[in-house]
Amino acid sequence: MDPFLFPAHDEFRNRTSDLAAMEDWWQGRDRNALALFGRRRVGKSWLFREFAHGKPAIVLVSDRRARAPQLSRFAAALAPHFGGVRPSIADLPELFAALYTLAQERKTLVVIDEFPYLLPARQREQHAVLTGIQAVMEERDSSRLKLVLCGSHIGQMTTLMSDRSPIRGRLTSLPVEPLRFADAQEFIAAPGAQERVERFAVAGGMSLYLDELGSGGSLRERVCSRVLNSRGPLFNDPREVLEEELRSPGVYFSILEELSAGERSSSALAAAIGVKTPDLSQYLKSLQDMSLVERVEPVTGRAELRFRIADSFLRFWFRFVFPFQDDLKSGLRPASHYVNEIQPALAEHVAPVFESLCREWTRRQLGVSRVGSWWGNALDALRRTGERQSEEIDVVGVRRSAITVIGECKWTSGRLTARVLDDLETYKLPALRQAGVKLAAQPLTVLFARSGFKANLVELAAERDDLRLVELDELVGDLLRE
């Protein structure tokens, strides 16, 4: 068998830890199949092809066509490796049997991409097929096959590894996650910290979107040509991906459009889109299974849950592109749309990403075991007067079950004043104590600011050991130093 050659080998970037994990599996004695899964556009196809480069490998790609013609196509692809004799592959268990037979003499890598497409839709039929596959996999120790099963629907892939699956215990899990900020910088050509954060906040951590938006002109130019132009490659990409995965996308699109403006509780979300809360839960579960939406709760766990879009580009697209697609197709100029709709709201879009980076910095630099945000009721006295109803703290760090760090993040054009600190200490910290959570005697307060700090706040920080100011350049510099 000739070594597999990946034509884009010289262009491949990043994914060092994923490749290392796959190499450990390849070199080790683990006979389990590798379950490689992650969202569409995260870079799975390039990852497994880069891994296969130079190895004796076969890549089989499944799609939404009927199983019989696909299995026939796979048999034709395998025939040269069986001395020109086309193997008999009438069903999935026979496909697996052929692959294990193929690798009896020589270590061979086989990748089946989008494996869930080959499974029956009905649960009972699927269970029967997986039971047949399980019987074949019992003989895996007599073969030198290294099998990768790849899939984009995360819920379906994780179900294969659940306790109810006949092939549980026969798969080794390897989720492919979106790139973190530091890793994404290989795609981003930007001289300053602010533009690095802005580009990451628009493109998110998906390799395809970073490749399109990370370089090749200013952020505005790239968004106008690649996202807002009706002929651009990203103008319709989220819609196409979702319509391929979802049978009735209408309600899902409404949920995502509402969440593009920010986090929402399930009750607020149900009211906004006119769906009963119990019915909404099923839609949210599907979106969570696809890793498109994630559930968030305060780090103390004592408030109503919220939901948010997990990917920054998806949030950007549903806020600034989806509602305007007909206008953009009908002659609305991308540059005008950017100036009128996106530019005034860009800071608001970037702010949640900035907050997440501040929490990542807190985890790495201050040694807390858990970090998140907090929201809850305002002080009772202020609620009774109607002066304040609720409070939120952007950064809350926990060590040994006690809150040791609190922080605020401001992605604003003006320098931060002491008023932010006053608000935190007068209203927010007392509300946190009122909630009955355990606080350290003197928690460290950290203020993060895009545009720096006023002199009075800098002077105050110089006098206090429990106050730290972090500017954007310091934040980004620390995050980029692995």
Protein backbone atom coordinates (compact mmCIF):
# COMPACT_ATOMS: atom_id res chain seq x y z
CA MET A 1 0.00 0.00 0.00
CA ASP A 2 1.43 3.37 -1.01
CA PRO A 3 1.71 6.05 1.68
CA PHE A 4 -1.20 8.48 1.83
CA LEU A 5 -0.24 11.94 0.59
CA PHE A 6 -2.08 15.05 1.78
CA PRO A 7 -1.79 17.74 -0.94
CA ALA A 8 -2.12 20.56 1.62
CA HIS A 9 0.53 19.12 3.96
CA ASP A 10 2.76 22.20 3.63
CA GLU A 11 -0.16 24.51 4.42
CA PHE A 12 -1.27 22.74 7.60
CA ARG A 13 -0.98 24.81 10.78
CA ASN A 14 -1.50 24.21 14.47
CA ARG A 15 -3.35 21.27 16.11
CA THR A 16 -0.08 20.15 17.68
CA SER A 17 -1.68 18.54 20.73
CA ASP A 18 -4.36 16.76 18.67
CA LEU A 19 -1.74 15.33 16.31
CA ALA A 20 0.37 14.24 19.29
CA ALA A 21 -2.61 12.39 20.80
CA MET A 22 -3.29 10.67 17.47
CA GLU A 23 0.37 9.67 17.11
CA ASP A 24 0.31 8.17 20.62
CA TRP A 25 -2.73 6.13 19.60
CA TRP A 26 -1.05 5.11 16.33
CA GLN A 27 2.19 4.03 18.02
CA GLY A 28 0.53 2.41 21.05
CA ARG A 29 -1.15 -0.93 21.58
CA ASP A 30 -4.69 0.44 21.73
CA ARG A 31 -6.80 -1.60 19.28
CA ASN A 32 -9.90 0.50 19.84
CA ALA A 33 -11.16 2.66 17.02
CA LEU A 34 -10.50 6.36 17.44
CA ALA A 35 -13.69 8.44 17.62
CA LEU A 36 -12.73 11.83 16.15
CA PHE A 37 -15.53 14.37 16.41
CA GLY A 38 -16.14 18.09 16.37
CA ARG A 39 -18.26 20.77 14.77
CA ARG A 40 -18.27 21.38 11.06
CA ARG A 41 -15.58 23.87 9.99
CA VAL A 42 -13.41 23.08 13.03
CA GLY A 43 -10.80 21.42 10.80
CA LYS A 44 -11.33 17.67 11.30
CA SER A 45 -10.83 16.74 7.64
CA TRP A 46 -7.50 18.52 7.41
CA LEU A 47 -6.49 17.09 10.79
CA PHE A 48 -7.01 13.43 9.93
CA ARG A 49 -5.49 13.90 6.48
CA GLU A 50 -2.43 15.53 7.98
CA PHE A 51 -2.23 12.65 10.46
CA ALA A 52 -2.53 10.12 7.61
CA HIS A 53 0.17 11.85 5.54
CA GLY A 54 3.03 9.43 4.92
CA LYS A 55 1.26 6.47 6.53
CA PRO A 56 -0.28 3.40 4.85
CA ALA A 57 -3.78 4.82 4.93
CA ILE A 58 -7.18 4.76 3.23
CA VAL A 59 -9.77 7.52 3.60
CA LEU A 60 -13.44 6.64 3.01
CA VAL A 61 -15.85 9.58 2.97
CA SER A 62 -19.56 8.94 3.56
CA ASP A 63 -22.39 11.32 2.76
CA ARG A 64 -26.18 11.52 2.91
CA ARG A 65 -26.79 9.13 0.01
CA ALA A 66 -28.34 5.70 0.59
CA ARG A 67 -26.05 3.20 2.28
CA ALA A 68 -26.06 0.58 -0.50
CA PRO A 69 -24.39 2.74 -3.19
CA GLN A 70 -21.94 4.10 -0.63
CA LEU A 71 -20.92 0.62 0.49
CA SER A 72 -20.54 -0.33 -3.18
CA ARG A 73 -18.28 2.68 -3.69
CA PHE A 74 -16.20 1.69 -0.64
CA ALA A 75 -15.86 -1.86 -1.98
CA ALA A 76 -14.54 -0.47 -5.26
CA ALA A 77 -12.05 1.71 -3.38
CA LEU A 78 -10.82 -1.28 -1.37
CA ALA A 79 -10.53 -3.67 -4.34
CA PRO A 80 -6.93 -2.66 -5.27
CA HIS A 81 -5.85 -3.54 -1.73
CA PHE A 82 -7.39 -7.01 -2.05
CA GLY A 83 -5.39 -7.92 -5.14
CA GLY A 84 -7.97 -6.42 -7.47
CA VAL A 85 -10.78 -8.55 -6.03
CA ARG A 86 -13.74 -6.49 -4.93
CA PRO A 87 -14.71 -7.47 -1.35
CA SER A 88 -18.32 -8.35 -0.58
CA ILE A 89 -19.76 -5.50 1.48
CA ALA A 90 -23.52 -5.76 1.83
CA ASP A 91 -23.78 -3.97 5.17
CA LEU A 92 -21.72 -2.10 7.74
CA PRO A 93 -20.57 -5.16 9.73
CA GLU A 94 -19.20 -6.58 6.47
CA LEU A 95 -17.36 -3.30 5.82
CA PHE A 96 -15.71 -3.54 9.23
CA ALA A 97 -14.87 -7.21 8.65
CA ALA A 98 -13.21 -6.33 5.33
CA LEU A 99 -11.14 -3.60 6.98
CA TYR A 100 -9.94 -5.86 9.78
CA THR A 101 -9.05 -8.53 7.20
CA LEU A 102 -7.15 -5.97 5.12
CA ALA A 103 -4.87 -5.11 8.03
CA GLN A 104 -4.10 -8.61 9.29
CA GLU A 105 -0.55 -8.57 7.92
CA ARG A 106 0.36 -4.89 7.93
CA LYS A 107 -0.47 -1.99 10.18
CA THR A 108 -2.95 0.12 8.25
CA LEU A 109 -4.84 3.31 8.97
CA VAL A 110 -8.42 3.61 7.72
CA VAL A 111 -10.53 6.72 8.24
CA ILE A 112 -14.31 6.68 7.74
CA ASP A 113 -15.38 10.31 7.57
CA GLU A 114 -18.92 11.28 8.64
CA PHE A 115 -19.50 7.75 9.90
CA PRO A 116 -22.97 8.52 11.42
CA TYR A 117 -24.32 9.05 7.88
CA LEU A 118 -23.93 5.30 7.35
CA LEU A 119 -26.12 4.39 10.32
CA PRO A 120 -29.90 3.87 10.10
CA ALA A 121 -32.02 6.71 11.43
CA ARG A 122 -34.31 4.50 13.49
CA GLN A 123 -32.91 3.66 16.88
CA ARG A 124 -33.86 -0.04 16.83
CA GLU A 125 -32.28 -0.58 13.40
CA GLN A 126 -29.20 1.38 14.42
CA HIS A 127 -28.81 -0.73 17.55
CA ALA A 128 -28.95 -3.89 15.45
CA VAL A 129 -26.27 -2.61 13.06
CA LEU A 130 -24.00 -1.53 15.92
CA THR A 131 -24.48 -4.92 17.54
CA GLY A 132 -23.24 -6.52 14.31
CA ILE A 133 -20.25 -4.16 14.25
CA GLN A 134 -19.52 -4.99 17.89
CA ALA A 135 -19.31 -8.69 17.05
CA VAL A 136 -16.76 -7.92 14.33
CA MET A 137 -14.76 -5.64 16.63
CA GLU A 138 -14.36 -8.49 19.11
CA GLU A 139 -11.74 -9.82 16.68
CA ARG A 140 -9.81 -6.53 16.57
CA ASP A 141 -6.85 -7.90 18.55
CA SER A 142 -6.05 -10.29 15.67
CA SER A 143 -5.72 -7.38 13.21
CA ARG A 144 -3.29 -4.48 12.90
CA LEU A 145 -6.04 -2.10 11.78
CA LYS A 146 -6.00 1.42 13.13
CA LEU A 147 -9.53 2.68 12.49
CA VAL A 148 -10.73 6.28 12.82
CA LEU A 149 -14.46 7.01 12.88
CA CYS A 150 -15.03 10.70 12.27
CA GLY A 151 -18.24 12.70 12.67
CA SER A 152 -19.50 16.28 12.82
CA HIS A 153 -22.69 15.75 14.81
CA ILE A 154 -21.28 15.68 18.31
CA GLY A 155 -24.43 14.29 19.91
CA GLN A 156 -24.49 11.29 17.57
CA MET A 157 -20.79 10.60 18.07
CA THR A 158 -21.00 10.76 21.85
CA THR A 159 -24.03 8.45 21.75
CA LEU A 160 -21.79 5.82 20.11
CA MET A 161 -19.65 5.91 23.26
CA SER A 162 -22.50 5.96 25.77
CA ASP A 163 -23.49 3.09 28.06
CA ARG A 164 -26.41 2.24 25.76
CA SER A 165 -24.23 1.74 22.69
CA PRO A 166 -23.28 -1.81 21.67
CA ILE A 167 -19.77 -0.57 20.76
CA ARG A 168 -19.13 1.21 24.06
CA GLY A 169 -15.66 0.43 25.36
CA ARG A 170 -14.40 -0.13 21.82
CA LEU A 171 -13.87 3.53 20.95
CA THR A 172 -11.20 5.95 22.12
CA SER A 173 -12.58 9.49 22.24
CA LEU A 174 -10.78 12.47 20.69
CA PRO A 175 -12.91 15.63 20.50
CA VAL A 176 -11.59 18.37 18.20
CA GLU A 177 -12.25 21.69 19.90
CA PRO A 178 -12.32 25.19 18.39
CA LEU A 179 -8.95 26.92 18.61
CA ARG A 180 -8.22 28.98 21.68
CA PHE A 181 -7.11 32.59 21.33
CA ALA A 182 -3.38 31.82 21.50
CA ASP A 183 -3.59 29.01 18.94
CA ALA A 184 -5.76 31.10 16.61
CA GLN A 185 -3.02 33.72 16.26
CA GLU A 186 -1.31 31.64 13.58
CA PHE A 187 -4.21 32.68 11.34
CA ILE A 188 -4.35 36.31 12.43
CA ALA A 189 -2.12 38.95 10.86
CA ALA A 190 -2.65 41.97 13.10
CA PRO A 191 -0.02 44.27 14.64
CA GLY A 192 -1.93 45.34 17.75
CA ALA A 193 -3.60 43.62 20.67
CA GLN A 194 -6.98 45.28 20.02
CA GLU A 195 -7.22 44.05 16.43
CA ARG A 196 -6.09 40.57 17.46
CA VAL A 197 -8.98 40.37 19.92
CA GLU A 198 -11.47 41.89 17.47
CA ARG A 199 -10.56 39.47 14.68
CA PHE A 200 -10.81 36.51 17.04
CA ALA A 201 -14.16 37.80 18.33
CA VAL A 202 -15.57 37.93 14.80
CA ALA A 203 -14.00 34.76 13.35
CA GLY A 204 -14.22 32.61 16.47
CA GLY A 205 -12.11 29.50 16.88
CA MET A 206 -13.08 27.62 13.71
CA SER A 207 -10.20 27.10 11.29
CA LEU A 208 -12.16 27.93 8.12
CA TYR A 209 -13.49 31.22 9.46
CA LEU A 210 -10.11 32.22 10.86
CA ASP A 211 -8.51 31.48 7.50
CA GLU A 212 -11.02 33.72 5.74
CA LEU A 213 -11.08 36.60 8.23
CA GLY A 214 -7.72 36.55 9.99
CA SER A 215 -5.61 38.19 7.27
CA GLY A 216 -5.63 39.57 3.74
CA GLY A 217 -6.75 43.11 4.52
CA SER A 218 -8.43 44.98 7.35
CA LEU A 219 -11.20 43.33 9.35
CA ARG A 220 -13.73 45.62 7.69
CA GLU A 221 -12.48 44.69 4.20
CA ARG A 222 -12.54 40.97 4.94
CA VAL A 223 -16.02 41.05 6.48
CA CYS A 224 -17.38 43.03 3.54
CA SER A 225 -15.86 40.77 0.88
CA ARG A 226 -16.13 37.36 2.57
CA VAL A 227 -19.25 37.64 4.74
CA LEU A 228 -21.49 40.49 3.57
CA ASN A 229 -20.99 40.05 -0.17
CA SER A 230 -23.77 37.75 -1.38
CA ARG A 231 -21.18 35.89 -3.48
CA GLY A 232 -18.71 35.66 -0.62
CA PRO A 233 -17.79 32.21 0.77
CA LEU A 234 -19.21 32.91 4.23
CA PHE A 235 -22.37 34.78 3.24
CA ASN A 236 -24.52 31.67 3.48
CA ASP A 237 -22.20 29.17 5.15
CA PRO A 238 -23.88 28.97 8.60
CA ARG A 239 -27.30 28.56 6.98
CA GLU A 240 -26.05 25.73 4.77
CA VAL A 241 -24.37 23.94 7.66
CA LEU A 242 -27.46 24.16 9.86
CA GLU A 243 -29.91 23.19 7.14
CA GLU A 244 -27.82 20.10 6.46
CA GLU A 245 -28.00 19.06 10.12
CA LEU A 246 -31.53 20.15 11.11
CA ARG A 247 -34.79 18.91 9.67
CA SER A 248 -36.91 21.96 10.61
CA PRO A 249 -34.48 24.86 11.00
CA GLY A 250 -37.03 27.67 11.43
CA VAL A 251 -37.32 27.59 15.23
CA TYR A 252 -33.60 26.91 15.59
CA PHE A 253 -32.81 29.98 13.50
CA SER A 254 -35.11 32.09 15.69
CA ILE A 255 -33.36 30.83 18.83
CA LEU A 256 -29.93 31.60 17.43
CA GLU A 257 -30.98 35.04 16.20
CA GLU A 258 -32.29 35.90 19.68
CA LEU A 259 -29.16 34.59 21.38
CA SER A 260 -26.93 36.56 19.02
CA ALA A 261 -27.77 39.64 21.09
CA GLY A 262 -26.48 38.01 24.30
CA GLU A 263 -27.13 35.38 26.94
CA ARG A 264 -30.76 34.55 27.75
CA SER A 265 -32.56 32.46 30.33
CA SER A 266 -34.84 29.76 28.92
CA SER A 267 -37.95 31.63 30.09
CA ALA A 268 -36.84 34.89 28.45
CA LEU A 269 -35.89 33.03 25.30
CA ALA A 270 -39.23 31.21 25.13
CA ALA A 271 -41.12 34.47 25.55
CA ALA A 272 -39.06 36.21 22.87
CA ILE A 273 -39.68 33.60 20.17
CA GLY A 274 -43.20 32.59 21.22
CA VAL A 275 -42.47 28.98 22.18
CA LYS A 276 -43.53 27.28 25.41
CA THR A 277 -40.62 26.70 27.78
CA PRO A 278 -41.06 22.87 27.87
CA ASP A 279 -41.05 22.76 24.05
CA LEU A 280 -38.02 25.03 23.91
CA SER A 281 -35.93 22.60 25.95
CA GLN A 282 -35.91 20.05 23.13
CA TYR A 283 -34.65 22.62 20.62
CA LEU A 284 -31.98 23.79 23.05
CA LYS A 285 -30.88 20.22 23.68
CA SER A 286 -30.40 19.64 19.96
CA LEU A 287 -28.35 22.82 19.65
CA GLN A 288 -26.29 21.79 22.68
CA ASP A 289 -25.72 18.34 21.20
CA MET A 290 -24.30 20.09 18.15
CA SER A 291 -22.13 22.34 20.37
CA LEU A 292 -23.78 25.41 18.83
CA VAL A 293 -25.32 26.58 22.10
CA GLU A 294 -23.97 26.14 25.60
CA ARG A 295 -25.55 26.41 29.02
CA VAL A 296 -23.93 28.78 31.49
CA GLU A 297 -24.45 29.25 35.19
CA PRO A 298 -22.85 31.52 37.78
CA VAL A 299 -19.69 30.09 39.29
CA THR A 300 -21.56 29.82 42.60
CA GLY A 301 -24.41 27.86 40.96
CA ARG A 302 -27.20 29.78 42.69
CA ALA A 303 -29.14 31.56 39.96
CA GLU A 304 -31.23 30.86 36.87
CA LEU A 305 -29.33 29.18 34.06
CA ARG A 306 -28.62 31.06 30.87
CA PHE A 307 -27.88 29.99 27.31
CA ARG A 308 -25.50 31.50 24.78
CA ILE A 309 -24.14 30.81 21.31
CA ALA A 310 -20.92 28.87 21.67
CA ASP A 311 -19.18 30.23 18.56
CA SER A 312 -18.37 33.90 18.00
CA PHE A 313 -18.70 33.80 14.23
CA LEU A 314 -22.11 32.16 14.46
CA ARG A 315 -23.16 34.88 16.91
CA PHE A 316 -21.80 37.55 14.54
CA TRP A 317 -23.55 36.02 11.53
CA PHE A 318 -26.96 35.70 13.18
CA ARG A 319 -26.79 39.26 14.45
CA PHE A 320 -25.37 41.11 11.47
CA VAL A 321 -25.94 38.93 8.40
CA PHE A 322 -28.97 36.65 8.79
CA PRO A 323 -31.57 39.44 9.32
CA PHE A 324 -30.18 41.42 6.36
CA GLN A 325 -29.55 38.72 3.76
CA ASP A 326 -32.46 39.70 1.51
CA ASP A 327 -31.34 43.35 1.60
CA LEU A 328 -27.74 42.40 0.80
CA LYS A 329 -28.94 40.26 -2.11
CA SER A 330 -31.12 43.13 -3.34
CA GLY A 331 -28.40 45.75 -3.56
CA LEU A 332 -27.51 46.88 -0.02
CA ARG A 333 -23.82 47.69 -0.27
CA PRO A 334 -21.66 45.68 2.19
CA ALA A 335 -19.58 48.75 3.06
CA SER A 336 -22.70 50.75 3.97
CA HIS A 337 -24.08 47.90 6.03
CA TYR A 338 -20.79 47.60 7.90
CA VAL A 339 -20.70 51.33 8.70
CA ASN A 340 -24.37 51.59 9.68
CA GLU A 341 -25.00 48.30 11.52
CA ILE A 342 -21.75 46.56 12.44
CA GLN A 343 -19.28 49.29 13.30
CA PRO A 344 -21.48 50.96 15.97
CA ALA A 345 -22.18 47.58 17.64
CA LEU A 346 -18.79 45.92 17.17
CA ALA A 347 -17.59 46.75 20.69
CA GLU A 348 -20.75 45.19 22.13
CA HIS A 349 -20.11 42.04 20.08
CA VAL A 350 -16.45 41.84 21.16
CA ALA A 351 -17.11 42.47 24.87
CA PRO A 352 -18.20 38.88 25.80
CA VAL A 353 -15.12 37.46 24.08
CA PHE A 354 -12.93 39.94 25.94
CA GLU A 355 -14.54 38.83 29.19
CA SER A 356 -13.82 35.18 28.40
CA LEU A 357 -10.17 36.08 27.72
CA CYS A 358 -10.02 37.88 31.06
CA ARG A 359 -11.33 34.76 32.78
CA GLU A 360 -8.74 32.65 30.96
CA TRP A 361 -6.01 35.07 32.09
CA THR A 362 -7.28 34.85 35.68
CA ARG A 363 -7.15 31.06 35.62
CA ARG A 364 -3.61 31.01 34.27
CA GLN A 365 -2.06 33.93 36.12
CA LEU A 366 -3.74 33.83 39.53
CA GLY A 367 -3.90 30.10 40.19
CA VAL A 368 -7.61 29.75 40.86
CA SER A 369 -9.16 26.31 40.51
CA ARG A 370 -12.42 27.58 38.99
CA VAL A 371 -13.29 30.82 37.28
CA GLY A 372 -16.53 32.10 35.83
CA SER A 373 -18.97 34.97 36.22
CA TRP A 374 -21.70 35.65 38.75
CA TRP A 375 -25.18 37.14 38.61
CA GLY A 376 -27.92 37.38 41.18
CA ASN A 377 -30.23 39.68 43.13
CA ALA A 378 -29.19 43.17 44.14
CA LEU A 379 -29.17 44.11 47.81
CA ASP A 380 -32.61 43.61 49.33
CA ALA A 381 -32.90 47.25 50.40
CA LEU A 382 -32.21 48.44 46.85
CA ARG A 383 -34.66 45.94 45.38
CA ARG A 384 -37.42 47.19 47.67
CA THR A 385 -36.90 50.76 46.52
CA GLY A 386 -36.56 49.70 42.89
CA GLU A 387 -33.14 51.35 42.66
CA ARG A 388 -31.37 48.16 41.53
CA GLN A 389 -32.81 44.72 40.80
CA SER A 390 -29.84 42.54 39.89
CA GLU A 391 -26.05 42.53 39.85
CA GLU A 392 -23.39 40.88 37.72
CA ILE A 393 -19.66 40.37 38.19
CA ASP A 394 -17.64 39.51 35.09
CA VAL A 395 -14.85 37.51 36.74
CA VAL A 396 -15.13 35.38 39.87
CA GLY A 397 -12.25 33.09 40.78
CA VAL A 398 -12.54 30.28 43.32
CA ARG A 399 -9.79 28.54 45.24
CA ARG A 400 -10.49 25.88 47.88
CA SER A 401 -14.24 26.55 47.67
CA ALA A 402 -13.84 30.24 48.56
CA ILE A 403 -14.01 33.22 46.19
CA THR A 404 -10.54 34.76 46.14
CA VAL A 405 -10.72 36.91 42.97
CA ILE A 406 -13.35 39.24 41.60
CA GLY A 407 -13.01 41.37 38.51
CA GLU A 408 -14.65 43.64 35.99
CA CYS A 409 -13.91 43.83 32.25
CA LYS A 410 -14.55 46.95 30.17
CA TRP A 411 -14.19 46.91 26.39
CA THR A 412 -14.74 50.66 26.04
CA SER A 413 -12.96 53.42 24.14
CA GLY A 414 -12.45 55.59 27.22
CA ARG A 415 -10.06 54.96 30.07
CA LEU A 416 -11.53 53.37 33.17
CA THR A 417 -12.26 55.57 36.19
CA ALA A 418 -12.57 54.76 39.88
CA ARG A 419 -16.35 54.74 39.45
CA VAL A 420 -16.15 51.12 38.21
CA LEU A 421 -14.38 50.14 41.42
CA ASP A 422 -16.88 52.08 43.53
CA ASP A 423 -19.78 50.31 41.85
CA LEU A 424 -18.16 46.93 42.42
CA GLU A 425 -17.42 47.54 46.09
CA THR A 426 -20.63 49.42 46.95
CA TYR A 427 -23.20 47.25 45.21
CA LYS A 428 -21.87 44.10 43.60
CA LEU A 429 -19.61 42.67 46.28
CA PRO A 430 -22.22 43.20 49.04
CA ALA A 431 -24.82 41.47 46.82
CA LEU A 432 -22.44 38.56 46.40
CA ARG A 433 -22.05 38.33 50.19
CA GLN A 434 -25.84 38.57 50.60
CA ALA A 435 -26.16 35.50 48.34
CA GLY A 436 -24.48 33.47 51.06
CA VAL A 437 -21.42 32.35 49.13
CA LYS A 438 -18.05 31.87 50.80
CA LEU A 439 -15.62 34.74 50.23
CA ALA A 440 -12.00 35.09 51.23
CA ALA A 441 -11.36 37.70 53.92
CA GLN A 442 -9.82 40.05 51.37
CA PRO A 443 -10.45 38.92 47.78
CA LEU A 444 -8.20 40.34 45.09
CA THR A 445 -9.96 42.79 42.77
CA VAL A 446 -8.75 42.83 39.16
CA LEU A 447 -9.90 45.41 36.63
CA PHE A 448 -9.35 44.76 32.92
CA ALA A 449 -9.60 47.57 30.39
CA ARG A 450 -9.20 47.85 26.64
CA SER A 451 -8.19 51.53 26.80
CA GLY A 452 -6.27 51.80 30.06
CA PHE A 453 -7.06 53.57 33.31
CA LYS A 454 -7.48 57.13 34.61
CA ALA A 455 -4.73 58.50 36.82
CA ASN A 456 -6.86 58.41 39.99
CA LEU A 457 -7.41 54.67 39.57
CA VAL A 458 -3.73 54.04 38.86
CA GLU A 459 -2.79 55.94 42.03
CA LEU A 460 -5.32 53.97 44.05
CA ALA A 461 -3.97 50.65 42.77
CA ALA A 462 -0.46 51.68 43.78
CA GLU A 463 -1.67 52.11 47.37
CA ARG A 464 -3.67 48.85 47.63
CA ASP A 465 -2.34 45.29 47.67
CA ASP A 466 -5.80 43.91 46.92
CA LEU A 467 -6.28 45.82 43.64
CA ARG A 468 -4.66 45.02 40.29
CA LEU A 469 -5.08 46.74 36.95
CA VAL A 470 -4.54 44.81 33.71
CA GLU A 471 -4.29 46.63 30.39
CA LEU A 472 -5.01 45.00 27.05
CA ASP A 473 -1.38 44.66 25.95
CA GLU A 474 -0.50 42.85 29.19
CA LEU A 475 -3.53 40.56 28.90
CA VAL A 476 -2.81 39.56 25.31
CA GLY A 477 0.92 39.24 25.90
CA ASP A 478 0.38 36.87 28.83
CA LEU A 479 -2.15 34.77 26.92
CA LEU A 480 0.20 34.38 23.99
CA ARG A 481 3.04 33.15 26.20
CA GLU A 482 2.36 29.43 26.56
